[in-house]
Amino acid sequence: MATGQPIKMYLTIFVATTCIYMVLYQYHVSRQPMPQVEFLKAPPPPPPPLYIITPTYKRAEQLAELTRLGYTLKHVPNLLWIVVDDANHTSPLVIETLNRIGVPYEYFLAPMPEIYKHTKKAKPRGVSNRNRGLDYIRANATDGVLYFADDDNTYDISIFDQMRYTKKVSMWPVGLVTKFGISTPIIRNGKIVGFYDGWIGGRKFPVDMAGFAVSVKFLHERPKAKMPYKPGYEEDGFLKSLQPLPLTEIELLASNCTEILTWHTQTKKNANATALNTNVHGGTNLVQLDKYLVRA
């Protein structure tokens, strides 16, 4: 019995000490600041949509140029690529190329009217294509910005981020065009005072196709706006069809038209590839490769 008393005493001390430590710990915890609860933030809304209208036609360089442009557009969010082929039948090669690139797209046909195909004068290339793209936008879009992006041009992707906030019409310089090497509005004190282009030709808006964008809402306010079948005056005719459009309402991009972010590059023209001699090369990889050669 004598040995039991020290044990009870030690147990009592142990329990009491444990209780004291627990009380002190709870007090310490209660003095700590409450952790901040991080609430999940809603993702930012997507930027205004872009509708990129690209006319194309059957030629040796067609797939190469669509591929180059397509992989540029792939870096641009919230975009629909409207590819319009000057052809009477859809091209499996074009469709395969568009699918491989992976940019959201619509593919349409809009052949040049027969009346213009056989003229000995300059042909209004790309007009039926662009007007078909405008028809699609009018029927399917209510906001955003449209832009005519030819497949043989070169684009800095920053211009797409700038143009998507266009309220009516925006403009900027285009390089490698005409004898001046540039086509641009002339800016003085932040205002357009004229245009610098190697060929004015009596045009009110002597600009390159790659140098302007239009608000979809503004297009809807001009239901008759379209591109004319007039070689050399396509841009001017379309912009005039958007009137009233005073120069003071045109938005200036590319750092107030002091940077070149689009270029009117042109791929070297290539002749149609010689037909493959299947008697010699049948059963080789050349048979598969020949399927990718576009012959006009």
C-alpha atoms as a PDB file:
ATOM      1  CA  MET A   1       0.000   0.000   0.000  1.00  0.00           C
ATOM      2  CA  ALA A   2       2.910   2.295   0.766  1.00  0.00           C
ATOM      3  CA  THR A   3       4.239   1.992  -2.776  1.00  0.00           C
ATOM      4  CA  GLY A   4       0.838   2.871  -4.272  1.00  0.00           C
ATOM      5  CA  GLN A   5       0.789   6.392  -2.876  1.00  0.00           C
ATOM      6  CA  PRO A   6       3.877   7.653  -4.775  1.00  0.00           C
ATOM      7  CA  ILE A   7       2.451   6.218  -8.004  1.00  0.00           C
ATOM      8  CA  LYS A   8      -0.834   8.063  -7.496  1.00  0.00           C
ATOM      9  CA  MET A   9       1.105  11.229  -6.757  1.00  0.00           C
ATOM     10  CA  TYR A  10       3.156  10.930  -9.965  1.00  0.00           C
ATOM     11  CA  LEU A  11       0.034  10.214 -12.021  1.00  0.00           C
ATOM     12  CA  THR A  12      -1.682  13.222 -10.503  1.00  0.00           C
ATOM     13  CA  ILE A  13       1.318  15.431 -11.336  1.00  0.00           C
ATOM     14  CA  PHE A  14       1.448  14.036 -14.917  1.00  0.00           C
ATOM     15  CA  VAL A  15      -2.244  14.622 -15.532  1.00  0.00           C
ATOM     16  CA  ALA A  16      -2.081  18.107 -14.024  1.00  0.00           C
ATOM     17  CA  THR A  17       0.980  19.009 -16.103  1.00  0.00           C
ATOM     18  CA  THR A  18      -0.673  17.719 -19.280  1.00  0.00           C
ATOM     19  CA  CYS A  19      -3.764  19.775 -18.581  1.00  0.00           C
ATOM     20  CA  ILE A  20      -1.684  22.889 -18.013  1.00  0.00           C
ATOM     21  CA  TYR A  21       0.169  22.365 -21.317  1.00  0.00           C
ATOM     22  CA  MET A  22      -3.138  21.875 -23.159  1.00  0.00           C
ATOM     23  CA  VAL A  23      -4.564  25.056 -21.673  1.00  0.00           C
ATOM     24  CA  LEU A  24      -1.427  26.985 -22.620  1.00  0.00           C
ATOM     25  CA  TYR A  25      -1.488  25.546 -26.162  1.00  0.00           C
ATOM     26  CA  GLN A  26      -5.152  26.478 -26.648  1.00  0.00           C
ATOM     27  CA  TYR A  27      -4.378  29.981 -25.396  1.00  0.00           C
ATOM     28  CA  HIS A  28      -1.454  30.229 -27.839  1.00  0.00           C
ATOM     29  CA  VAL A  29      -3.599  29.068 -30.736  1.00  0.00           C
ATOM     30  CA  SER A  30      -6.352  31.508 -29.830  1.00  0.00           C
ATOM     31  CA  ARG A  31      -3.856  34.364 -30.028  1.00  0.00           C
ATOM     32  CA  GLN A  32      -2.814  33.520 -33.603  1.00  0.00           C
ATOM     33  CA  PRO A  33      -4.435  35.478 -36.447  1.00  0.00           C
ATOM     34  CA  MET A  34      -7.109  33.612 -38.365  1.00  0.00           C
ATOM     35  CA  PRO A  35      -5.832  32.332 -41.705  1.00  0.00           C
ATOM     36  CA  GLN A  36      -7.147  34.270 -44.684  1.00  0.00           C
ATOM     37  CA  VAL A  37      -9.617  32.263 -46.730  1.00  0.00           C
ATOM     38  CA  GLU A  38      -8.829  32.594 -50.394  1.00  0.00           C
ATOM     39  CA  PHE A  39     -12.008  32.622 -52.386  1.00  0.00           C
ATOM     40  CA  LEU A  40     -11.881  31.309 -55.944  1.00  0.00           C
ATOM     41  CA  LYS A  41     -11.829  34.194 -58.360  1.00  0.00           C
ATOM     42  CA  ALA A  42     -14.053  34.076 -61.407  1.00  0.00           C
ATOM     43  CA  PRO A  43     -12.055  33.815 -64.634  1.00  0.00           C
ATOM     44  CA  PRO A  44     -11.875  37.081 -66.598  1.00  0.00           C
ATOM     45  CA  PRO A  45     -14.353  37.421 -69.462  1.00  0.00           C
ATOM     46  CA  PRO A  46     -13.033  36.519 -72.917  1.00  0.00           C
ATOM     47  CA  PRO A  47     -11.866  39.402 -75.109  1.00  0.00           C
ATOM     48  CA  PRO A  48     -14.153  40.623 -77.902  1.00  0.00           C
ATOM     49  CA  PRO A  49     -14.279  38.114 -80.768  1.00  0.00           C
ATOM     50  CA  LEU A  50     -12.350  38.541 -83.992  1.00  0.00           C
ATOM     51  CA  TYR A  51     -13.652  37.445 -87.394  1.00  0.00           C
ATOM     52  CA  ILE A  52     -10.756  36.990 -89.796  1.00  0.00           C
ATOM     53  CA  ILE A  53     -11.846  36.809 -93.448  1.00  0.00           C
ATOM     54  CA  THR A  54      -9.236  35.165 -95.686  1.00  0.00           C
ATOM     55  CA  PRO A  55      -9.807  34.819 -99.431  1.00  0.00           C
ATOM     56  CA  THR A  56      -7.881  32.008-101.075  1.00  0.00           C
ATOM     57  CA  TYR A  57      -7.678  30.278-104.442  1.00  0.00           C
ATOM     58  CA  LYS A  58      -6.153  27.169-105.966  1.00  0.00           C
ATOM     59  CA  ARG A  59      -2.457  27.554-106.720  1.00  0.00           C
ATOM     60  CA  ALA A  60       0.831  25.839-105.952  1.00  0.00           C
ATOM     61  CA  GLU A  61       1.435  28.004-102.841  1.00  0.00           C
ATOM     62  CA  GLN A  62      -2.094  27.734-101.402  1.00  0.00           C
ATOM     63  CA  LEU A  63      -1.506  25.190 -98.636  1.00  0.00           C
ATOM     64  CA  ALA A  64       1.820  26.700 -97.637  1.00  0.00           C
ATOM     65  CA  GLU A  65       0.349  30.169 -97.230  1.00  0.00           C
ATOM     66  CA  LEU A  66      -2.731  28.973 -95.358  1.00  0.00           C
ATOM     67  CA  THR A  67      -0.439  27.029 -93.033  1.00  0.00           C
ATOM     68  CA  ARG A  68       1.733  30.069 -92.312  1.00  0.00           C
ATOM     69  CA  LEU A  69      -1.240  32.311 -91.591  1.00  0.00           C
ATOM     70  CA  GLY A  70      -3.080  29.613 -89.643  1.00  0.00           C
ATOM     71  CA  TYR A  71      -0.271  29.084 -87.170  1.00  0.00           C
ATOM     72  CA  THR A  72      -0.081  32.833 -86.623  1.00  0.00           C
ATOM     73  CA  LEU A  73      -3.813  32.963 -85.869  1.00  0.00           C
ATOM     74  CA  LYS A  74      -3.447  30.018 -83.507  1.00  0.00           C
ATOM     75  CA  HIS A  75      -1.758  32.374 -81.035  1.00  0.00           C
ATOM     76  CA  VAL A  76      -4.796  34.695 -81.012  1.00  0.00           C
ATOM     77  CA  PRO A  77      -7.662  33.888 -78.572  1.00  0.00           C
ATOM     78  CA  ASN A  78     -11.396  34.097 -79.279  1.00  0.00           C
ATOM     79  CA  LEU A  79     -11.087  34.107 -83.039  1.00  0.00           C
ATOM     80  CA  LEU A  80     -13.052  32.633 -85.922  1.00  0.00           C
ATOM     81  CA  TRP A  81     -11.202  32.153 -89.199  1.00  0.00           C
ATOM     82  CA  ILE A  82     -13.498  32.540 -92.197  1.00  0.00           C
ATOM     83  CA  VAL A  83     -11.690  30.970 -95.154  1.00  0.00           C
ATOM     84  CA  VAL A  84     -13.417  31.566 -98.498  1.00  0.00           C
ATOM     85  CA  ASP A  85     -12.215  29.700-101.565  1.00  0.00           C
ATOM     86  CA  ASP A  86     -12.540  31.088-105.081  1.00  0.00           C
ATOM     87  CA  ALA A  87     -13.664  27.710-106.394  1.00  0.00           C
ATOM     88  CA  ASN A  88     -16.724  25.781-107.485  1.00  0.00           C
ATOM     89  CA  HIS A  89     -15.915  22.731-105.357  1.00  0.00           C
ATOM     90  CA  THR A  90     -14.519  22.292-101.874  1.00  0.00           C
ATOM     91  CA  SER A  91     -10.893  21.249-101.618  1.00  0.00           C
ATOM     92  CA  PRO A  92     -10.145  18.200 -99.431  1.00  0.00           C
ATOM     93  CA  LEU A  93      -6.554  19.442 -99.143  1.00  0.00           C
ATOM     94  CA  VAL A  94      -7.673  22.836 -97.809  1.00  0.00           C
ATOM     95  CA  ILE A  95     -10.061  21.194 -95.341  1.00  0.00           C
ATOM     96  CA  GLU A  96      -7.358  18.792 -94.176  1.00  0.00           C
ATOM     97  CA  THR A  97      -4.954  21.701 -93.701  1.00  0.00           C
ATOM     98  CA  LEU A  98      -7.470  23.730 -91.698  1.00  0.00           C
ATOM     99  CA  ASN A  99      -8.284  20.746 -89.491  1.00  0.00           C
ATOM    100  CA  ARG A 100      -4.621  20.047 -88.845  1.00  0.00           C
ATOM    101  CA  ILE A 101      -3.896  23.636 -87.828  1.00  0.00           C
ATOM    102  CA  GLY A 102      -6.748  23.583 -85.333  1.00  0.00           C
ATOM    103  CA  VAL A 103      -7.944  27.200 -85.480  1.00  0.00           C
ATOM    104  CA  PRO A 104     -11.765  27.481 -85.262  1.00  0.00           C
ATOM    105  CA  TYR A 105     -12.889  28.068 -88.825  1.00  0.00           C
ATOM    106  CA  GLU A 106     -15.673  28.213 -91.374  1.00  0.00           C
ATOM    107  CA  TYR A 107     -14.928  27.217 -94.956  1.00  0.00           C
ATOM    108  CA  PHE A 108     -17.000  28.566 -97.842  1.00  0.00           C
ATOM    109  CA  LEU A 109     -16.922  28.754-101.622  1.00  0.00           C
ATOM    110  CA  ALA A 110     -17.348  32.024-103.505  1.00  0.00           C
ATOM    111  CA  PRO A 111     -16.153  31.783-107.113  1.00  0.00           C
ATOM    112  CA  MET A 112     -15.456  34.950-109.043  1.00  0.00           C
ATOM    113  CA  PRO A 113     -18.447  35.807-111.279  1.00  0.00           C
ATOM    114  CA  GLU A 114     -17.956  34.570-114.824  1.00  0.00           C
ATOM    115  CA  ILE A 115     -18.231  38.084-116.219  1.00  0.00           C
ATOM    116  CA  TYR A 116     -14.899  38.996-114.618  1.00  0.00           C
ATOM    117  CA  LYS A 117     -13.026  35.760-115.257  1.00  0.00           C
ATOM    118  CA  HIS A 118     -12.567  36.313-118.979  1.00  0.00           C
ATOM    119  CA  THR A 119     -11.776  40.018-119.009  1.00  0.00           C
ATOM    120  CA  LYS A 120      -8.421  41.074-120.452  1.00  0.00           C
ATOM    121  CA  LYS A 121      -8.219  43.828-117.852  1.00  0.00           C
ATOM    122  CA  ALA A 122      -7.217  43.439-114.217  1.00  0.00           C
ATOM    123  CA  LYS A 123      -9.462  41.037-112.348  1.00  0.00           C
ATOM    124  CA  PRO A 124     -11.184  41.898-109.056  1.00  0.00           C
ATOM    125  CA  ARG A 125      -9.573  39.070-107.127  1.00  0.00           C
ATOM    126  CA  GLY A 126     -10.875  38.204-103.685  1.00  0.00           C
ATOM    127  CA  VAL A 127     -13.971  40.412-103.878  1.00  0.00           C
ATOM    128  CA  SER A 128     -16.545  37.611-104.014  1.00  0.00           C
ATOM    129  CA  ASN A 129     -14.643  35.875-101.192  1.00  0.00           C
ATOM    130  CA  ARG A 130     -14.667  38.900 -98.909  1.00  0.00           C
ATOM    131  CA  ASN A 131     -18.308  39.713 -99.592  1.00  0.00           C
ATOM    132  CA  ARG A 132     -19.196  36.106 -98.739  1.00  0.00           C
ATOM    133  CA  GLY A 133     -17.384  36.546 -95.436  1.00  0.00           C
ATOM    134  CA  LEU A 134     -19.337  39.746 -94.758  1.00  0.00           C
ATOM    135  CA  ASP A 135     -22.595  37.876 -95.434  1.00  0.00           C
ATOM    136  CA  TYR A 136     -21.650  35.244 -92.855  1.00  0.00           C
ATOM    137  CA  ILE A 137     -20.800  37.855 -90.239  1.00  0.00           C
ATOM    138  CA  ARG A 138     -24.055  39.726 -90.775  1.00  0.00           C
ATOM    139  CA  ALA A 139     -25.997  36.490 -90.326  1.00  0.00           C
ATOM    140  CA  ASN A 140     -24.083  35.076 -87.367  1.00  0.00           C
ATOM    141  CA  ALA A 141     -22.297  37.799 -85.384  1.00  0.00           C
ATOM    142  CA  THR A 142     -23.558  40.711 -83.303  1.00  0.00           C
ATOM    143  CA  ASP A 143     -20.352  42.091 -81.817  1.00  0.00           C
ATOM    144  CA  GLY A 144     -16.597  41.893 -82.208  1.00  0.00           C
ATOM    145  CA  VAL A 145     -14.379  43.045 -85.056  1.00  0.00           C
ATOM    146  CA  LEU A 146     -13.812  41.875 -88.633  1.00  0.00           C
ATOM    147  CA  TYR A 147     -10.534  41.953 -90.517  1.00  0.00           C
ATOM    148  CA  PHE A 148      -9.495  40.977 -94.035  1.00  0.00           C
ATOM    149  CA  ALA A 149      -6.308  38.916 -93.680  1.00  0.00           C
ATOM    150  CA  ASP A 150      -4.890  37.745 -96.996  1.00  0.00           C
ATOM    151  CA  ASP A 151      -3.009  34.461 -96.739  1.00  0.00           C
ATOM    152  CA  ASP A 152       0.153  35.810 -98.377  1.00  0.00           C
ATOM    153  CA  ASN A 153       0.716  38.612 -95.831  1.00  0.00           C
ATOM    154  CA  THR A 154       2.733  38.629 -92.605  1.00  0.00           C
ATOM    155  CA  TYR A 155       1.281  39.695 -89.257  1.00  0.00           C
ATOM    156  CA  ASP A 156       2.637  40.579 -85.825  1.00  0.00           C
ATOM    157  CA  ILE A 157       0.116  39.022 -83.437  1.00  0.00           C
ATOM    158  CA  SER A 158       0.008  42.197 -81.337  1.00  0.00           C
ATOM    159  CA  ILE A 159      -2.051  43.900 -84.042  1.00  0.00           C
ATOM    160  CA  PHE A 160      -4.873  41.417 -83.410  1.00  0.00           C
ATOM    161  CA  ASP A 161      -4.987  42.324 -79.723  1.00  0.00           C
ATOM    162  CA  GLN A 162      -5.160  45.990 -80.655  1.00  0.00           C
ATOM    163  CA  MET A 163      -7.787  45.762 -83.389  1.00  0.00           C
ATOM    164  CA  ARG A 164     -10.293  43.709 -81.375  1.00  0.00           C
ATOM    165  CA  TYR A 165     -11.364  46.821 -79.423  1.00  0.00           C
ATOM    166  CA  THR A 166     -12.239  48.830 -82.539  1.00  0.00           C
ATOM    167  CA  LYS A 167     -15.425  50.849 -82.032  1.00  0.00           C
ATOM    168  CA  LYS A 168     -16.018  51.793 -85.680  1.00  0.00           C
ATOM    169  CA  VAL A 169     -12.993  51.627 -87.991  1.00  0.00           C
ATOM    170  CA  SER A 170      -9.328  51.432 -87.032  1.00  0.00           C
ATOM    171  CA  MET A 171      -6.257  51.894 -89.225  1.00  0.00           C
ATOM    172  CA  TRP A 172      -2.487  51.362 -89.057  1.00  0.00           C
ATOM    173  CA  PRO A 173       0.554  51.243 -91.388  1.00  0.00           C
ATOM    174  CA  VAL A 174       1.322  48.361 -93.752  1.00  0.00           C
ATOM    175  CA  GLY A 175       4.879  47.672 -94.874  1.00  0.00           C
ATOM    176  CA  LEU A 176       6.336  46.381 -98.151  1.00  0.00           C
ATOM    177  CA  VAL A 177       3.645  47.929-100.318  1.00  0.00           C
ATOM    178  CA  THR A 178       3.949  50.242-103.364  1.00  0.00           C
ATOM    179  CA  LYS A 179       7.071  52.179-104.378  1.00  0.00           C
ATOM    180  CA  PHE A 180       7.094  53.997-101.027  1.00  0.00           C
ATOM    181  CA  GLY A 181       7.504  50.732 -99.150  1.00  0.00           C
ATOM    182  CA  ILE A 182       4.656  51.673 -96.827  1.00  0.00           C
ATOM    183  CA  SER A 183       0.983  52.580 -96.911  1.00  0.00           C
ATOM    184  CA  THR A 184      -0.307  54.557 -93.937  1.00  0.00           C
ATOM    185  CA  PRO A 185      -2.454  57.420 -92.734  1.00  0.00           C
ATOM    186  CA  ILE A 186      -0.416  60.582 -92.241  1.00  0.00           C
ATOM    187  CA  ILE A 187      -0.739  61.737 -88.645  1.00  0.00           C
ATOM    188  CA  ARG A 188      -0.113  65.231 -87.315  1.00  0.00           C
ATOM    189  CA  ASN A 189      -0.972  66.165 -83.735  1.00  0.00           C
ATOM    190  CA  GLY A 190      -2.833  62.889 -83.320  1.00  0.00           C
ATOM    191  CA  LYS A 191      -5.135  63.422 -86.316  1.00  0.00           C
ATOM    192  CA  ILE A 192      -5.263  62.059 -89.870  1.00  0.00           C
ATOM    193  CA  VAL A 193      -4.250  64.791 -92.307  1.00  0.00           C
ATOM    194  CA  GLY A 194      -3.841  62.582 -95.378  1.00  0.00           C
ATOM    195  CA  PHE A 195      -2.566  59.271 -96.657  1.00  0.00           C
ATOM    196  CA  TYR A 196       0.895  58.131 -97.718  1.00  0.00           C
ATOM    197  CA  ASP A 197       0.686  55.534-100.456  1.00  0.00           C
ATOM    198  CA  GLY A 198       2.502  54.902-103.708  1.00  0.00           C
ATOM    199  CA  TRP A 199      -0.770  55.101-105.617  1.00  0.00           C
ATOM    200  CA  ILE A 200      -3.536  57.490-104.640  1.00  0.00           C
ATOM    201  CA  GLY A 201      -5.603  57.100-107.819  1.00  0.00           C
ATOM    202  CA  GLY A 202      -8.328  59.495-106.724  1.00  0.00           C
ATOM    203  CA  ARG A 203      -9.181  57.272-103.779  1.00  0.00           C
ATOM    204  CA  LYS A 204     -10.669  58.840-100.646  1.00  0.00           C
ATOM    205  CA  PHE A 205      -9.170  56.026 -98.565  1.00  0.00           C
ATOM    206  CA  PRO A 206      -5.888  55.025-100.273  1.00  0.00           C
ATOM    207  CA  VAL A 207      -5.049  52.213 -97.841  1.00  0.00           C
ATOM    208  CA  ASP A 208      -3.975  48.586 -98.106  1.00  0.00           C
ATOM    209  CA  MET A 209      -6.348  45.724 -97.332  1.00  0.00           C
ATOM    210  CA  ALA A 210      -4.162  44.696 -94.389  1.00  0.00           C
ATOM    211  CA  GLY A 211      -4.337  48.158 -92.799  1.00  0.00           C
ATOM    212  CA  PHE A 212      -7.830  48.470 -91.335  1.00  0.00           C
ATOM    213  CA  ALA A 213     -10.440  46.666 -89.225  1.00  0.00           C
ATOM    214  CA  VAL A 214     -14.172  47.257 -88.766  1.00  0.00           C
ATOM    215  CA  SER A 215     -16.497  46.810 -85.807  1.00  0.00           C
ATOM    216  CA  VAL A 216     -19.225  44.234 -86.405  1.00  0.00           C
ATOM    217  CA  LYS A 217     -21.800  46.532 -84.785  1.00  0.00           C
ATOM    218  CA  PHE A 218     -20.736  49.339 -87.112  1.00  0.00           C
ATOM    219  CA  LEU A 219     -21.090  46.976 -90.088  1.00  0.00           C
ATOM    220  CA  HIS A 220     -24.643  46.147 -88.996  1.00  0.00           C
ATOM    221  CA  GLU A 221     -25.400  49.871 -88.990  1.00  0.00           C
ATOM    222  CA  ARG A 222     -24.345  49.934 -92.653  1.00  0.00           C
ATOM    223  CA  PRO A 223     -26.436  47.073 -94.121  1.00  0.00           C
ATOM    224  CA  LYS A 224     -25.501  47.952 -97.710  1.00  0.00           C
ATOM    225  CA  ALA A 225     -21.750  48.019 -97.130  1.00  0.00           C
ATOM    226  CA  LYS A 226     -19.835  45.688 -99.427  1.00  0.00           C
ATOM    227  CA  MET A 227     -16.698  45.492-101.539  1.00  0.00           C
ATOM    228  CA  PRO A 228     -16.993  46.580-105.186  1.00  0.00           C
ATOM    229  CA  TYR A 229     -15.798  44.570-108.179  1.00  0.00           C
ATOM    230  CA  LYS A 230     -13.403  47.346-109.148  1.00  0.00           C
ATOM    231  CA  PRO A 231      -9.718  46.346-109.320  1.00  0.00           C
ATOM    232  CA  GLY A 232      -7.520  48.708-107.346  1.00  0.00           C
ATOM    233  CA  TYR A 233     -10.456  50.315-105.584  1.00  0.00           C
ATOM    234  CA  GLU A 234     -11.674  47.438-103.427  1.00  0.00           C
ATOM    235  CA  GLU A 235     -10.521  48.922-100.088  1.00  0.00           C
ATOM    236  CA  ASP A 236     -11.639  52.433-100.989  1.00  0.00           C
ATOM    237  CA  GLY A 237     -15.023  51.260-102.230  1.00  0.00           C
ATOM    238  CA  PHE A 238     -15.693  49.194 -99.117  1.00  0.00           C
ATOM    239  CA  LEU A 239     -14.700  51.972 -96.723  1.00  0.00           C
ATOM    240  CA  LYS A 240     -16.800  54.502 -98.655  1.00  0.00           C
ATOM    241  CA  SER A 241     -19.766  52.134 -98.383  1.00  0.00           C
ATOM    242  CA  LEU A 242     -19.447  52.536 -94.599  1.00  0.00           C
ATOM    243  CA  GLN A 243     -20.057  56.281 -94.807  1.00  0.00           C
ATOM    244  CA  PRO A 244     -20.651  58.529 -93.049  1.00  0.00           C
ATOM    245  CA  LEU A 245     -17.118  57.832 -91.841  1.00  0.00           C
ATOM    246  CA  PRO A 246     -15.268  61.074 -91.051  1.00  0.00           C
ATOM    247  CA  LEU A 247     -11.508  60.826 -90.645  1.00  0.00           C
ATOM    248  CA  THR A 248     -11.845  62.106 -87.075  1.00  0.00           C
ATOM    249  CA  GLU A 249     -13.698  58.914 -86.089  1.00  0.00           C
ATOM    250  CA  ILE A 250     -11.034  56.521 -87.412  1.00  0.00           C
ATOM    251  CA  GLU A 251      -9.046  54.969 -84.550  1.00  0.00           C
ATOM    252  CA  LEU A 252      -5.267  54.946 -84.928  1.00  0.00           C
ATOM    253  CA  LEU A 253      -3.449  51.779 -83.856  1.00  0.00           C
ATOM    254  CA  ALA A 254       0.208  50.673 -83.851  1.00  0.00           C
ATOM    255  CA  SER A 255       1.282  53.450 -81.475  1.00  0.00           C
ATOM    256  CA  ASN A 256      -0.535  56.193 -83.323  1.00  0.00           C
ATOM    257  CA  CYS A 257       0.584  54.776 -86.681  1.00  0.00           C
ATOM    258  CA  THR A 258       4.289  54.872 -85.830  1.00  0.00           C
ATOM    259  CA  GLU A 259       4.896  51.096 -85.985  1.00  0.00           C
ATOM    260  CA  ILE A 260       4.651  48.523 -88.763  1.00  0.00           C
ATOM    261  CA  LEU A 261       2.898  45.377 -87.537  1.00  0.00           C
ATOM    262  CA  THR A 262       1.596  44.024 -90.865  1.00  0.00           C
ATOM    263  CA  TRP A 263       3.452  43.484 -94.120  1.00  0.00           C
ATOM    264  CA  HIS A 264       2.177  43.004 -97.650  1.00  0.00           C
ATOM    265  CA  THR A 265       4.527  40.120 -98.352  1.00  0.00           C
ATOM    266  CA  GLN A 266       4.100  38.012-101.462  1.00  0.00           C
ATOM    267  CA  THR A 267       5.254  34.455-101.925  1.00  0.00           C
ATOM    268  CA  LYS A 268       7.298  33.722-105.028  1.00  0.00           C
ATOM    269  CA  LYS A 269       5.034  32.267-107.683  1.00  0.00           C
ATOM    270  CA  ASN A 270       5.713  28.640-108.498  1.00  0.00           C
ATOM    271  CA  ALA A 271       4.782  26.793-111.650  1.00  0.00           C
ATOM    272  CA  ASN A 272       2.650  23.690-111.375  1.00  0.00           C
ATOM    273  CA  ALA A 273       4.700  20.665-110.415  1.00  0.00           C
ATOM    274  CA  THR A 274       5.478  18.214-113.191  1.00  0.00           C
ATOM    275  CA  ALA A 275       3.195  15.190-113.160  1.00  0.00           C
ATOM    276  CA  LEU A 276       4.612  12.216-111.250  1.00  0.00           C
ATOM    277  CA  ASN A 277       5.788   9.316-113.393  1.00  0.00           C
ATOM    278  CA  THR A 278       4.086   6.448-111.573  1.00  0.00           C
ATOM    279  CA  ASN A 279       5.693   3.899-113.872  1.00  0.00           C
ATOM    280  CA  VAL A 280       9.052   4.833-112.406  1.00  0.00           C
ATOM    281  CA  HIS A 281       8.082   5.912-108.885  1.00  0.00           C
ATOM    282  CA  GLY A 282       5.036   3.760-108.179  1.00  0.00           C
ATOM    283  CA  GLY A 283       5.150   2.145-104.754  1.00  0.00           C
ATOM    284  CA  THR A 284       7.383   4.861-103.271  1.00  0.00           C
ATOM    285  CA  ASN A 285       6.689   7.722-100.860  1.00  0.00           C
ATOM    286  CA  LEU A 286       6.435  10.045-103.865  1.00  0.00           C
ATOM    287  CA  VAL A 287       2.939   8.741-104.543  1.00  0.00           C
ATOM    288  CA  GLN A 288       1.775   9.965-101.122  1.00  0.00           C
ATOM    289  CA  LEU A 289       3.638  13.268-101.401  1.00  0.00           C
ATOM    290  CA  ASP A 290       2.145  13.961-104.809  1.00  0.00           C
ATOM    291  CA  LYS A 291      -1.292  14.201-103.181  1.00  0.00           C
ATOM    292  CA  TYR A 292      -0.178  17.371-101.402  1.00  0.00           C
ATOM    293  CA  LEU A 293       0.862  19.188-104.555  1.00  0.00           C
ATOM    294  CA  VAL A 294      -1.756  21.731-105.585  1.00  0.00           C
ATOM    295  CA  ARG A 295      -1.989  22.140-109.321  1.00  0.00           C
ATOM    296  CA  ALA A 296      -4.137  24.909-110.691  1.00  0.00           C
END
